[in-house]
PDB file of all heavy atoms in Angstrom:
ATOM      1  N   ASN A   1      12.114   3.425  -0.414  1.00  0.00           N
ATOM      2  CA  ASN A   1      12.054   3.854   0.989  1.00  0.00           C
ATOM      3  C   ASN A   1      12.268   5.382   1.135  1.00  0.00           C
ATOM      4  O   ASN A   1      11.736   6.002   2.021  1.00  0.00           O
ATOM      5  CB  ASN A   1      13.039   3.064   1.881  1.00  0.00           C
ATOM      6  CG  ASN A   1      12.628   1.653   1.973  1.00  0.00           C
ATOM      7  OD1 ASN A   1      11.450   1.293   1.866  1.00  0.00           O
ATOM      8  ND2 ASN A   1      13.627   0.804   2.323  1.00  0.00           N
ATOM      9  N   ALA A   2      13.126   5.952   0.301  1.00  0.00           N
ATOM     10  CA  ALA A   2      13.444   7.387   0.376  1.00  0.00           C
ATOM     11  C   ALA A   2      12.122   8.220  -0.006  1.00  0.00           C
ATOM     12  O   ALA A   2      11.989   9.306   0.429  1.00  0.00           O
ATOM     13  CB  ALA A   2      14.506   7.718  -0.576  1.00  0.00           C
ATOM     14  N   LYS A   3      11.258   7.608  -0.789  1.00  0.00           N
ATOM     15  CA  LYS A   3      10.040   8.314  -1.229  1.00  0.00           C
ATOM     16  C   LYS A   3       8.828   7.808  -0.512  1.00  0.00           C
ATOM     17  O   LYS A   3       7.682   8.253  -0.807  1.00  0.00           O
ATOM     18  CB  LYS A   3       9.835   8.181  -2.720  1.00  0.00           C
ATOM     19  CG  LYS A   3      10.923   8.849  -3.505  1.00  0.00           C
ATOM     20  CD  LYS A   3      10.675   8.685  -5.013  1.00  0.00           C
ATOM     21  CE  LYS A   3      11.735   9.358  -5.871  1.00  0.00           C
ATOM     22  NZ  LYS A   3      11.469   9.252  -7.304  1.00  0.00           N
ATOM     23  N   ASN A   4       8.959   6.839   0.389  1.00  0.00           N
ATOM     24  CA  ASN A   4       7.826   6.241   1.183  1.00  0.00           C
ATOM     25  C   ASN A   4       6.753   5.802   0.228  1.00  0.00           C
ATOM     26  O   ASN A   4       5.537   5.974   0.405  1.00  0.00           O
ATOM     27  CB  ASN A   4       7.269   7.234   2.132  1.00  0.00           C
ATOM     28  CG  ASN A   4       8.178   7.556   3.282  1.00  0.00           C
ATOM     29  OD1 ASN A   4       9.001   6.703   3.732  1.00  0.00           O
ATOM     30  ND2 ASN A   4       8.186   8.817   3.683  1.00  0.00           N
ATOM     31  N   THR A   5       7.177   5.087  -0.904  1.00  0.00           N
ATOM     32  CA  THR A   5       6.287   4.709  -1.955  1.00  0.00           C
ATOM     33  C   THR A   5       6.435   3.236  -2.280  1.00  0.00           C
ATOM     34  O   THR A   5       7.524   2.703  -2.292  1.00  0.00           O
ATOM     35  CB  THR A   5       6.603   5.560  -3.189  1.00  0.00           C
ATOM     36  OG1 THR A   5       6.338   6.929  -2.904  1.00  0.00           O
ATOM     37  CG2 THR A   5       5.675   5.098  -4.330  1.00  0.00           C
ATOM     38  N   VAL A   6       5.317   2.606  -2.529  1.00  0.00           N
ATOM     39  CA  VAL A   6       5.246   1.173  -2.958  1.00  0.00           C
ATOM     40  C   VAL A   6       4.582   1.156  -4.333  1.00  0.00           C
ATOM     41  O   VAL A   6       3.668   1.913  -4.581  1.00  0.00           O
ATOM     42  CB  VAL A   6       4.524   0.275  -1.898  1.00  0.00           C
ATOM     43  CG1 VAL A   6       3.107   0.702  -1.742  1.00  0.00           C
ATOM     44  CG2 VAL A   6       4.652  -1.162  -2.275  1.00  0.00           C
ATOM     45  N   TYR A   7       5.088   0.221  -5.143  1.00  0.00           N
ATOM     46  CA  TYR A   7       4.618   0.020  -6.506  1.00  0.00           C
ATOM     47  C   TYR A   7       4.092  -1.334  -6.748  1.00  0.00           C
ATOM     48  O   TYR A   7       4.528  -2.336  -6.118  1.00  0.00           O
ATOM     49  CB  TYR A   7       5.700   0.369  -7.514  1.00  0.00           C
ATOM     50  CG  TYR A   7       6.374   1.701  -7.328  1.00  0.00           C
ATOM     51  CD1 TYR A   7       7.601   1.798  -6.536  1.00  0.00           C
ATOM     52  CD2 TYR A   7       5.870   2.858  -7.909  1.00  0.00           C
ATOM     53  CE1 TYR A   7       8.196   2.988  -6.344  1.00  0.00           C
ATOM     54  CE2 TYR A   7       6.499   4.082  -7.691  1.00  0.00           C
ATOM     55  CZ  TYR A   7       7.674   4.143  -6.941  1.00  0.00           C
ATOM     56  OH  TYR A   7       8.289   5.364  -6.758  1.00  0.00           O
ATOM     57  N   LEU A   8       3.253  -1.468  -7.708  1.00  0.00           N
ATOM     58  CA  LEU A   8       2.810  -2.780  -8.185  1.00  0.00           C
ATOM     59  C   LEU A   8       2.761  -2.765  -9.684  1.00  0.00           C
ATOM     60  O   LEU A   8       1.894  -2.115 -10.321  1.00  0.00           O
ATOM     61  CB  LEU A   8       1.460  -3.142  -7.609  1.00  0.00           C
ATOM     62  CG  LEU A   8       0.915  -4.543  -7.931  1.00  0.00           C
ATOM     63  CD1 LEU A   8       1.801  -5.618  -7.161  1.00  0.00           C
ATOM     64  CD2 LEU A   8      -0.495  -4.735  -7.584  1.00  0.00           C
ATOM     65  N   GLN A   9       3.718  -3.433 -10.321  1.00  0.00           N
ATOM     66  CA  GLN A   9       3.783  -3.619 -11.805  1.00  0.00           C
ATOM     67  C   GLN A   9       2.941  -4.807 -12.113  1.00  0.00           C
ATOM     68  O   GLN A   9       3.228  -5.920 -11.682  1.00  0.00           O
ATOM     69  CB  GLN A   9       5.204  -3.788 -12.234  1.00  0.00           C
ATOM     70  CG  GLN A   9       5.317  -3.999 -13.772  1.00  0.00           C
ATOM     71  CD  GLN A   9       4.924  -2.755 -14.574  1.00  0.00           C
ATOM     72  OE1 GLN A   9       5.298  -1.720 -14.259  1.00  0.00           O
ATOM     73  NE2 GLN A   9       4.066  -2.945 -15.578  1.00  0.00           N
ATOM     74  N   MET A  10       1.886  -4.633 -12.860  1.00  0.00           N
ATOM     75  CA  MET A  10       0.939  -5.653 -13.288  1.00  0.00           C
ATOM     76  C   MET A  10       1.053  -5.914 -14.826  1.00  0.00           C
ATOM     77  O   MET A  10       0.723  -5.052 -15.572  1.00  0.00           O
ATOM     78  CB  MET A  10      -0.484  -5.340 -12.875  1.00  0.00           C
ATOM     79  CG  MET A  10      -0.650  -4.983 -11.455  1.00  0.00           C
ATOM     80  SD  MET A  10      -2.313  -4.671 -10.963  1.00  0.00           S
ATOM     81  CE  MET A  10      -2.681  -3.169 -11.869  1.00  0.00           C
ATOM     82  N   ASN A  11       1.486  -7.089 -15.114  1.00  0.00           N
ATOM     83  CA  ASN A  11       1.654  -7.564 -16.543  1.00  0.00           C
ATOM     84  C   ASN A  11       0.700  -8.690 -16.811  1.00  0.00           C
ATOM     85  O   ASN A  11       0.185  -9.340 -15.892  1.00  0.00           O
ATOM     86  CB  ASN A  11       3.005  -7.980 -16.858  1.00  0.00           C
ATOM     87  CG  ASN A  11       4.039  -6.842 -16.677  1.00  0.00           C
ATOM     88  OD1 ASN A  11       3.786  -5.680 -16.924  1.00  0.00           O
ATOM     89  ND2 ASN A  11       5.328  -7.246 -16.262  1.00  0.00           N
ATOM     90  N   SER A  12       0.466  -8.942 -18.076  1.00  0.00           N
ATOM     91  CA  SER A  12      -0.423 -10.079 -18.517  1.00  0.00           C
ATOM     92  C   SER A  12      -1.703 -10.112 -17.748  1.00  0.00           C
ATOM     93  O   SER A  12      -2.186 -11.067 -17.212  1.00  0.00           O
ATOM     94  CB  SER A  12       0.308 -11.420 -18.273  1.00  0.00           C
ATOM     95  OG  SER A  12       1.493 -11.448 -19.006  1.00  0.00           O
ATOM     96  N   LEU A  13      -2.362  -8.927 -17.691  1.00  0.00           N
ATOM     97  CA  LEU A  13      -3.569  -8.739 -16.918  1.00  0.00           C
ATOM     98  C   LEU A  13      -4.744  -9.597 -17.514  1.00  0.00           C
ATOM     99  O   LEU A  13      -4.831  -9.780 -18.714  1.00  0.00           O
ATOM    100  CB  LEU A  13      -3.987  -7.280 -16.865  1.00  0.00           C
ATOM    101  CG  LEU A  13      -3.194  -6.454 -15.860  1.00  0.00           C
ATOM    102  CD1 LEU A  13      -3.314  -4.940 -16.173  1.00  0.00           C
ATOM    103  CD2 LEU A  13      -3.639  -6.721 -14.412  1.00  0.00           C
ATOM    104  N   ARG A  14      -5.564 -10.104 -16.650  1.00  0.00           N
ATOM    105  CA  ARG A  14      -6.700 -10.924 -16.922  1.00  0.00           C
ATOM    106  C   ARG A  14      -7.965 -10.262 -16.436  1.00  0.00           C
ATOM    107  O   ARG A  14      -7.946  -9.461 -15.464  1.00  0.00           O
ATOM    108  CB  ARG A  14      -6.538 -12.322 -16.320  1.00  0.00           C
ATOM    109  CG  ARG A  14      -5.280 -12.993 -16.658  1.00  0.00           C
ATOM    110  CD  ARG A  14      -5.005 -14.182 -15.730  1.00  0.00           C
ATOM    111  NE  ARG A  14      -3.796 -14.910 -16.038  1.00  0.00           N
ATOM    112  CZ  ARG A  14      -3.254 -15.822 -15.274  1.00  0.00           C
ATOM    113  NH1 ARG A  14      -3.761 -16.176 -14.111  1.00  0.00           N
ATOM    114  NH2 ARG A  14      -2.068 -16.407 -15.695  1.00  0.00           N
ATOM    115  N   PRO A  15      -9.134 -10.604 -17.055  1.00  0.00           N
ATOM    116  CA  PRO A  15     -10.383 -10.042 -16.512  1.00  0.00           C
ATOM    117  C   PRO A  15     -10.598 -10.272 -15.040  1.00  0.00           C
ATOM    118  O   PRO A  15     -11.199  -9.455 -14.350  1.00  0.00           O
ATOM    119  CB  PRO A  15     -11.449 -10.745 -17.359  1.00  0.00           C
ATOM    120  CG  PRO A  15     -10.730 -10.974 -18.656  1.00  0.00           C
ATOM    121  CD  PRO A  15      -9.345 -11.377 -18.288  1.00  0.00           C
ATOM    122  N   GLU A  16     -10.143 -11.394 -14.546  1.00  0.00           N
ATOM    123  CA  GLU A  16     -10.326 -11.767 -13.149  1.00  0.00           C
ATOM    124  C   GLU A  16      -9.463 -10.833 -12.215  1.00  0.00           C
ATOM    125  O   GLU A  16      -9.587 -10.907 -11.004  1.00  0.00           O
ATOM    126  CB  GLU A  16     -10.055 -13.237 -12.843  1.00  0.00           C
ATOM    127  CG  GLU A  16      -8.736 -13.729 -13.331  1.00  0.00           C
ATOM    128  CD  GLU A  16      -8.881 -14.416 -14.770  1.00  0.00           C
ATOM    129  OE1 GLU A  16      -9.583 -13.858 -15.586  1.00  0.00           O
ATOM    130  OE2 GLU A  16      -8.278 -15.469 -14.926  1.00  0.00           O
ATOM    131  N   ASP A  17      -8.558 -10.032 -12.778  1.00  0.00           N
ATOM    132  CA  ASP A  17      -7.808  -9.097 -11.985  1.00  0.00           C
ATOM    133  C   ASP A  17      -8.560  -7.835 -11.720  1.00  0.00           C
ATOM    134  O   ASP A  17      -8.137  -6.948 -10.962  1.00  0.00           O
ATOM    135  CB  ASP A  17      -6.500  -8.713 -12.710  1.00  0.00           C
ATOM    136  CG  ASP A  17      -5.505  -9.920 -12.822  1.00  0.00           C
ATOM    137  OD1 ASP A  17      -5.389 -10.708 -11.814  1.00  0.00           O
ATOM    138  OD2 ASP A  17      -4.924 -10.062 -13.837  1.00  0.00           O
ATOM    139  N   THR A  18      -9.754  -7.715 -12.341  1.00  0.00           N
ATOM    140  CA  THR A  18     -10.561  -6.529 -12.130  1.00  0.00           C
ATOM    141  C   THR A  18     -10.942  -6.379 -10.633  1.00  0.00           C
ATOM    142  O   THR A  18     -11.475  -7.352 -10.053  1.00  0.00           O
ATOM    143  CB  THR A  18     -11.863  -6.629 -13.027  1.00  0.00           C
ATOM    144  OG1 THR A  18     -11.420  -6.549 -14.428  1.00  0.00           O
ATOM    145  CG2 THR A  18     -12.764  -5.447 -12.693  1.00  0.00           C
ATOM    146  N   ALA A  19     -10.657  -5.265 -10.106  1.00  0.00           N
ATOM    147  CA  ALA A  19     -10.936  -5.055  -8.672  1.00  0.00           C
ATOM    148  C   ALA A  19     -10.494  -3.604  -8.292  1.00  0.00           C
ATOM    149  O   ALA A  19      -9.863  -2.884  -9.075  1.00  0.00           O
ATOM    150  CB  ALA A  19     -10.144  -5.991  -7.803  1.00  0.00           C
ATOM    151  N   VAL A  20     -10.876  -3.219  -7.078  1.00  0.00           N
ATOM    152  CA  VAL A  20     -10.311  -2.016  -6.486  1.00  0.00           C
ATOM    153  C   VAL A  20      -9.073  -2.452  -5.745  1.00  0.00           C
ATOM    154  O   VAL A  20      -9.069  -3.383  -4.876  1.00  0.00           O
ATOM    155  CB  VAL A  20     -11.252  -1.300  -5.538  1.00  0.00           C
ATOM    156  CG1 VAL A  20     -10.613  -0.144  -4.814  1.00  0.00           C
ATOM    157  CG2 VAL A  20     -12.523  -0.839  -6.279  1.00  0.00           C
ATOM    158  N   TYR A  21      -7.964  -1.807  -6.005  1.00  0.00           N
ATOM    159  CA  TYR A  21      -6.643  -2.165  -5.397  1.00  0.00           C
ATOM    160  C   TYR A  21      -6.350  -1.146  -4.320  1.00  0.00           C
ATOM    161  O   TYR A  21      -6.368   0.080  -4.526  1.00  0.00           O
ATOM    162  CB  TYR A  21      -5.574  -2.211  -6.439  1.00  0.00           C
ATOM    163  CG  TYR A  21      -5.621  -3.424  -7.306  1.00  0.00           C
ATOM    164  CD1 TYR A  21      -6.595  -3.561  -8.228  1.00  0.00           C
ATOM    165  CD2 TYR A  21      -4.642  -4.434  -7.179  1.00  0.00           C
ATOM    166  CE1 TYR A  21      -6.669  -4.737  -8.998  1.00  0.00           C
ATOM    167  CE2 TYR A  21      -4.729  -5.560  -8.018  1.00  0.00           C
ATOM    168  CZ  TYR A  21      -5.671  -5.703  -8.952  1.00  0.00           C
ATOM    169  OH  TYR A  21      -5.726  -6.850  -9.713  1.00  0.00           O
ATOM    170  N   TYR A  22      -5.982  -1.723  -3.085  1.00  0.00           N
ATOM    171  CA  TYR A  22      -5.660  -0.897  -1.951  1.00  0.00           C
ATOM    172  C   TYR A  22      -4.246  -1.105  -1.503  1.00  0.00           C
ATOM    173  O   TYR A  22      -3.762  -2.274  -1.502  1.00  0.00           O
ATOM    174  CB  TYR A  22      -6.572  -1.291  -0.792  1.00  0.00           C
ATOM    175  CG  TYR A  22      -8.047  -1.037  -1.032  1.00  0.00           C
ATOM    176  CD1 TYR A  22      -8.829  -2.020  -1.558  1.00  0.00           C
ATOM    177  CD2 TYR A  22      -8.658   0.193  -0.679  1.00  0.00           C
ATOM    178  CE1 TYR A  22     -10.199  -1.847  -1.770  1.00  0.00           C
ATOM    179  CE2 TYR A  22     -10.039   0.324  -0.902  1.00  0.00           C
ATOM    180  CZ  TYR A  22     -10.746  -0.645  -1.443  1.00  0.00           C
ATOM    181  OH  TYR A  22     -12.145  -0.459  -1.652  1.00  0.00           O
ATOM    182  N   CYS A  23      -3.543   0.004  -1.152  1.00  0.00           N
ATOM    183  CA  CYS A  23      -2.235  -0.216  -0.591  1.00  0.00           C
ATOM    184  C   CYS A  23      -2.339  -0.130   0.967  1.00  0.00           C
ATOM    185  O   CYS A  23      -3.232   0.400   1.485  1.00  0.00           O
ATOM    186  CB  CYS A  23      -1.210   0.813  -1.127  1.00  0.00           C
ATOM    187  SG  CYS A  23      -1.563   2.553  -0.670  1.00  0.00           S
ATOM    188  N   ASN A  24      -1.322  -0.757   1.524  1.00  0.00           N
ATOM    189  CA  ASN A  24      -1.253  -0.879   3.050  1.00  0.00           C
ATOM    190  C   ASN A  24       0.136  -0.608   3.444  1.00  0.00           C
ATOM    191  O   ASN A  24       1.054  -0.974   2.825  1.00  0.00           O
ATOM    192  CB  ASN A  24      -1.771  -2.243   3.461  1.00  0.00           C
ATOM    193  CG  ASN A  24      -1.359  -2.599   4.873  1.00  0.00           C
ATOM    194  OD1 ASN A  24      -0.336  -3.191   5.163  1.00  0.00           O
ATOM    195  ND2 ASN A  24      -2.240  -2.214   5.831  1.00  0.00           N
ATOM    196  N   ALA A  25       0.282   0.000   4.597  1.00  0.00           N
ATOM    197  CA  ALA A  25       1.551   0.265   5.208  1.00  0.00           C
ATOM    198  C   ALA A  25       1.542   0.065   6.701  1.00  0.00           C
ATOM    199  O   ALA A  25       0.637   0.579   7.335  1.00  0.00           O
ATOM    200  CB  ALA A  25       2.105   1.606   4.842  1.00  0.00           C
ATOM    201  N   ASP A  26       2.512  -0.671   7.271  1.00  0.00           N
ATOM    202  CA  ASP A  26       2.679  -0.770   8.662  1.00  0.00           C
ATOM    203  C   ASP A  26       3.606   0.349   9.075  1.00  0.00           C
ATOM    204  O   ASP A  26       4.820   0.285   8.839  1.00  0.00           O
ATOM    205  CB  ASP A  26       3.272  -2.145   9.021  1.00  0.00           C
ATOM    206  CG  ASP A  26       3.246  -2.423  10.469  1.00  0.00           C
ATOM    207  OD1 ASP A  26       2.393  -1.921  11.207  1.00  0.00           O
ATOM    208  OD2 ASP A  26       4.261  -3.114  10.945  1.00  0.00           O
ATOM    209  N   LEU A  27       3.069   1.421   9.675  1.00  0.00           N
ATOM    210  CA  LEU A  27       3.707   2.656   9.724  1.00  0.00           C
ATOM    211  C   LEU A  27       3.718   3.261  11.173  1.00  0.00           C
ATOM    212  O   LEU A  27       2.809   3.048  11.986  1.00  0.00           O
ATOM    213  CB  LEU A  27       2.979   3.654   8.802  1.00  0.00           C
ATOM    214  CG  LEU A  27       3.505   5.083   8.573  1.00  0.00           C
ATOM    215  CD1 LEU A  27       3.105   5.516   7.194  1.00  0.00           C
ATOM    216  CD2 LEU A  27       2.969   6.101   9.543  1.00  0.00           C
ATOM    217  N   ARG A  28       4.835   3.905  11.477  1.00  0.00           N
ATOM    218  CA  ARG A  28       5.008   4.566  12.795  1.00  0.00           C
ATOM    219  C   ARG A  28       5.141   6.087  12.552  1.00  0.00           C
ATOM    220  O   ARG A  28       6.030   6.529  11.799  1.00  0.00           O
ATOM    221  CB  ARG A  28       6.272   4.114  13.482  1.00  0.00           C
ATOM    222  CG  ARG A  28       6.457   4.559  14.920  1.00  0.00           C
ATOM    223  CD  ARG A  28       7.718   3.941  15.517  1.00  0.00           C
ATOM    224  NE  ARG A  28       7.835   4.302  16.909  1.00  0.00           N
ATOM    225  CZ  ARG A  28       8.824   3.889  17.706  1.00  0.00           C
ATOM    226  NH1 ARG A  28       9.782   3.108  17.239  1.00  0.00           N
ATOM    227  NH2 ARG A  28       8.885   4.273  18.984  1.00  0.00           N
ATOM    228  N   GLU A  29       4.242   6.875  13.164  1.00  0.00           N
ATOM    229  CA  GLU A  29       4.241   8.308  12.923  1.00  0.00           C
ATOM    230  C   GLU A  29       5.358   9.017  13.565  1.00  0.00           C
ATOM    231  O   GLU A  29       5.830   9.994  12.972  1.00  0.00           O
ATOM    232  CB  GLU A  29       2.939   8.904  13.310  1.00  0.00           C
ATOM    233  CG  GLU A  29       1.705   8.463  12.529  1.00  0.00           C
ATOM    234  CD  GLU A  29       0.476   9.189  12.939  1.00  0.00           C
ATOM    235  OE1 GLU A  29       0.491  10.426  13.028  1.00  0.00           O
ATOM    236  OE2 GLU A  29      -0.604   8.481  13.067  1.00  0.00           O
ATOM    237  N   SER A  30       5.753   8.633  14.771  1.00  0.00           N
ATOM    238  CA  SER A  30       6.789   9.288  15.511  1.00  0.00           C
ATOM    239  C   SER A  30       7.296   8.371  16.633  1.00  0.00           C
ATOM    240  O   SER A  30       6.779   7.233  16.786  1.00  0.00           O
ATOM    241  CB  SER A  30       6.365  10.631  16.088  1.00  0.00           C
ATOM    242  OG  SER A  30       5.555  10.439  17.270  1.00  0.00           O
ATOM    243  N   VAL A  31       8.311   8.829  17.350  1.00  0.00           N
ATOM    244  CA  VAL A  31       8.829   8.052  18.472  1.00  0.00           C
ATOM    245  C   VAL A  31       7.755   7.917  19.512  1.00  0.00           C
ATOM    246  O   VAL A  31       7.879   7.000  20.423  1.00  0.00           O
ATOM    247  CB  VAL A  31      10.046   8.689  19.032  1.00  0.00           C
ATOM    248  CG1 VAL A  31       9.766  10.016  19.729  1.00  0.00           C
ATOM    249  CG2 VAL A  31      10.790   7.775  19.951  1.00  0.00           C
ATOM    250  N   LEU A  32       6.732   8.710  19.530  1.00  0.00           N
ATOM    251  CA  LEU A  32       5.674   8.629  20.537  1.00  0.00           C
ATOM    252  C   LEU A  32       4.534   7.698  20.139  1.00  0.00           C
ATOM    253  O   LEU A  32       3.588   7.445  20.870  1.00  0.00           O
ATOM    254  CB  LEU A  32       5.037  10.065  20.756  1.00  0.00           C
ATOM    255  CG  LEU A  32       6.036  11.129  21.219  1.00  0.00           C
ATOM    256  CD1 LEU A  32       5.286  12.489  21.408  1.00  0.00           C
ATOM    257  CD2 LEU A  32       6.670  10.768  22.550  1.00  0.00           C
ATOM    258  N   HIS A  33       4.653   7.130  18.931  1.00  0.00           N
ATOM    259  CA  HIS A  33       3.652   6.183  18.407  1.00  0.00           C
ATOM    260  C   HIS A  33       4.216   4.841  18.150  1.00  0.00           C
ATOM    261  O   HIS A  33       5.432   4.728  17.908  1.00  0.00           O
ATOM    262  CB  HIS A  33       3.038   6.736  17.093  1.00  0.00           C
ATOM    263  CG  HIS A  33       2.419   8.065  17.189  1.00  0.00           C
ATOM    264  ND1 HIS A  33       3.057   9.211  17.316  1.00  0.00           N
ATOM    265  CD2 HIS A  33       1.050   8.388  17.243  1.00  0.00           C
ATOM    266  CE1 HIS A  33       2.198  10.236  17.349  1.00  0.00           C
ATOM    267  NE2 HIS A  33       0.974   9.732  17.336  1.00  0.00           N
ATOM    268  N   GLY A  34       3.422   3.852  18.234  1.00  0.00           N
ATOM    269  CA  GLY A  34       3.744   2.477  17.827  1.00  0.00           C
ATOM    270  C   GLY A  34       3.416   2.318  16.317  1.00  0.00           C
ATOM    271  O   GLY A  34       2.734   3.133  15.723  1.00  0.00           O
ATOM    272  N   TYR A  35       3.782   1.166  15.781  1.00  0.00           N
ATOM    273  CA  TYR A  35       3.488   0.838  14.450  1.00  0.00           C
ATOM    274  C   TYR A  35       1.997   0.428  14.377  1.00  0.00           C
ATOM    275  O   TYR A  35       1.494  -0.312  15.226  1.00  0.00           O
ATOM    276  CB  TYR A  35       4.315  -0.292  13.868  1.00  0.00           C
ATOM    277  CG  TYR A  35       5.721   0.177  13.579  1.00  0.00           C
ATOM    278  CD1 TYR A  35       6.761   0.069  14.495  1.00  0.00           C
ATOM    279  CD2 TYR A  35       5.993   0.705  12.249  1.00  0.00           C
ATOM    280  CE1 TYR A  35       8.036   0.485  14.134  1.00  0.00           C
ATOM    281  CE2 TYR A  35       7.295   1.085  11.950  1.00  0.00           C
ATOM    282  CZ  TYR A  35       8.307   0.985  12.904  1.00  0.00           C
ATOM    283  OH  TYR A  35       9.564   1.408  12.618  1.00  0.00           O
ATOM    284  N   LYS A  36       1.290   0.849  13.307  1.00  0.00           N
ATOM    285  CA  LYS A  36      -0.038   0.402  13.076  1.00  0.00           C
ATOM    286  C   LYS A  36      -0.321   0.441  11.616  1.00  0.00           C
ATOM    287  O   LYS A  36       0.459   1.056  10.824  1.00  0.00           O
ATOM    288  CB  LYS A  36      -1.068   1.241  13.807  1.00  0.00           C
ATOM    289  CG  LYS A  36      -1.267   2.646  13.293  1.00  0.00           C
ATOM    290  CD  LYS A  36      -2.404   3.312  14.018  1.00  0.00           C
ATOM    291  CE  LYS A  36      -2.806   4.627  13.478  1.00  0.00           C
ATOM    292  NZ  LYS A  36      -3.976   5.215  14.179  1.00  0.00           N
ATOM    293  N   ALA A  37      -1.386  -0.222  11.179  1.00  0.00           N
ATOM    294  CA  ALA A  37      -1.703  -0.331   9.767  1.00  0.00           C
ATOM    295  C   ALA A  37      -2.429   0.883   9.248  1.00  0.00           C
ATOM    296  O   ALA A  37      -3.376   1.351   9.853  1.00  0.00           O
ATOM    297  CB  ALA A  37      -2.543  -1.584   9.503  1.00  0.00           C
ATOM    298  N   TYR A  38      -2.017   1.390   8.079  1.00  0.00           N
ATOM    299  CA  TYR A  38      -2.721   2.462   7.341  1.00  0.00           C
ATOM    300  C   TYR A  38      -3.098   1.894   5.976  1.00  0.00           C
ATOM    301  O   TYR A  38      -2.487   1.098   5.379  1.00  0.00           O
ATOM    302  CB  TYR A  38      -1.795   3.668   7.242  1.00  0.00           C
ATOM    303  CG  TYR A  38      -1.562   4.398   8.472  1.00  0.00           C
ATOM    304  CD1 TYR A  38      -0.541   3.994   9.393  1.00  0.00           C
ATOM    305  CD2 TYR A  38      -2.262   5.535   8.834  1.00  0.00           C
ATOM    306  CE1 TYR A  38      -0.305   4.655  10.612  1.00  0.00           C
ATOM    307  CE2 TYR A  38      -2.021   6.169  10.050  1.00  0.00           C
ATOM    308  CZ  TYR A  38      -1.081   5.727  10.894  1.00  0.00           C
ATOM    309  OH  TYR A  38      -0.867   6.401  12.092  1.00  0.00           O
ATOM    310  N   TRP A  39      -4.221   2.483   5.496  1.00  0.00           N
ATOM    311  CA  TRP A  39      -4.790   2.054   4.208  1.00  0.00           C
ATOM    312  C   TRP A  39      -5.001   3.224   3.351  1.00  0.00           C
ATOM    313  O   TRP A  39      -5.419   4.354   3.753  1.00  0.00           O
ATOM    314  CB  TRP A  39      -6.105   1.310   4.442  1.00  0.00           C
ATOM    315  CG  TRP A  39      -5.912  -0.015   5.077  1.00  0.00           C
ATOM    316  CD1 TRP A  39      -5.854  -0.257   6.382  1.00  0.00           C
ATOM    317  CD2 TRP A  39      -5.772  -1.257   4.463  1.00  0.00           C
ATOM    318  NE1 TRP A  39      -5.764  -1.592   6.672  1.00  0.00           N
ATOM    319  CE2 TRP A  39      -5.624  -2.268   5.463  1.00  0.00           C
ATOM    320  CE3 TRP A  39      -5.705  -1.674   3.074  1.00  0.00           C
ATOM    321  CZ2 TRP A  39      -5.441  -3.599   5.207  1.00  0.00           C
ATOM    322  CZ3 TRP A  39      -5.473  -3.061   2.807  1.00  0.00           C
ATOM    323  CH2 TRP A  39      -5.375  -3.958   3.880  1.00  0.00           C
ATOM    324  N   GLY A  40      -4.872   3.054   1.985  1.00  0.00           N
ATOM    325  CA  GLY A  40      -5.236   4.054   1.036  1.00  0.00           C
ATOM    326  C   GLY A  40      -6.773   3.834   0.735  1.00  0.00           C
ATOM    327  O   GLY A  40      -7.422   2.968   1.209  1.00  0.00           O
ATOM    328  N   GLN A  41      -7.274   4.751  -0.074  1.00  0.00           N
ATOM    329  CA  GLN A  41      -8.664   4.749  -0.469  1.00  0.00           C
ATOM    330  C   GLN A  41      -8.973   3.815  -1.634  1.00  0.00           C
ATOM    331  O   GLN A  41     -10.140   3.507  -1.934  1.00  0.00           O
ATOM    332  CB  GLN A  41      -9.162   6.171  -0.796  1.00  0.00           C
ATOM    333  CG  GLN A  41      -9.200   7.060   0.445  1.00  0.00           C
ATOM    334  CD  GLN A  41     -10.177   6.577   1.467  1.00  0.00           C
ATOM    335  OE1 GLN A  41     -11.340   6.313   1.201  1.00  0.00           O
ATOM    336  NE2 GLN A  41      -9.672   6.414   2.709  1.00  0.00           N
ATOM    337  N   GLY A  42      -7.949   3.376  -2.342  1.00  0.00           N
ATOM    338  CA  GLY A  42      -8.104   2.441  -3.374  1.00  0.00           C
ATOM    339  C   GLY A  42      -8.104   3.059  -4.809  1.00  0.00           C
ATOM    340  O   GLY A  42      -8.445   4.234  -4.984  1.00  0.00           O
TER     341      GLY A  42
END
């Protein structure tokens, strides 16, 4: 939380795990904003 970072450790990977992986955050920019979903580019 101090770094605003999320991780995904993936072990025992399989061919069916092949994909573009996207991160998501339910985020509030300021006290003037409500929470909404943000997405990375993958």
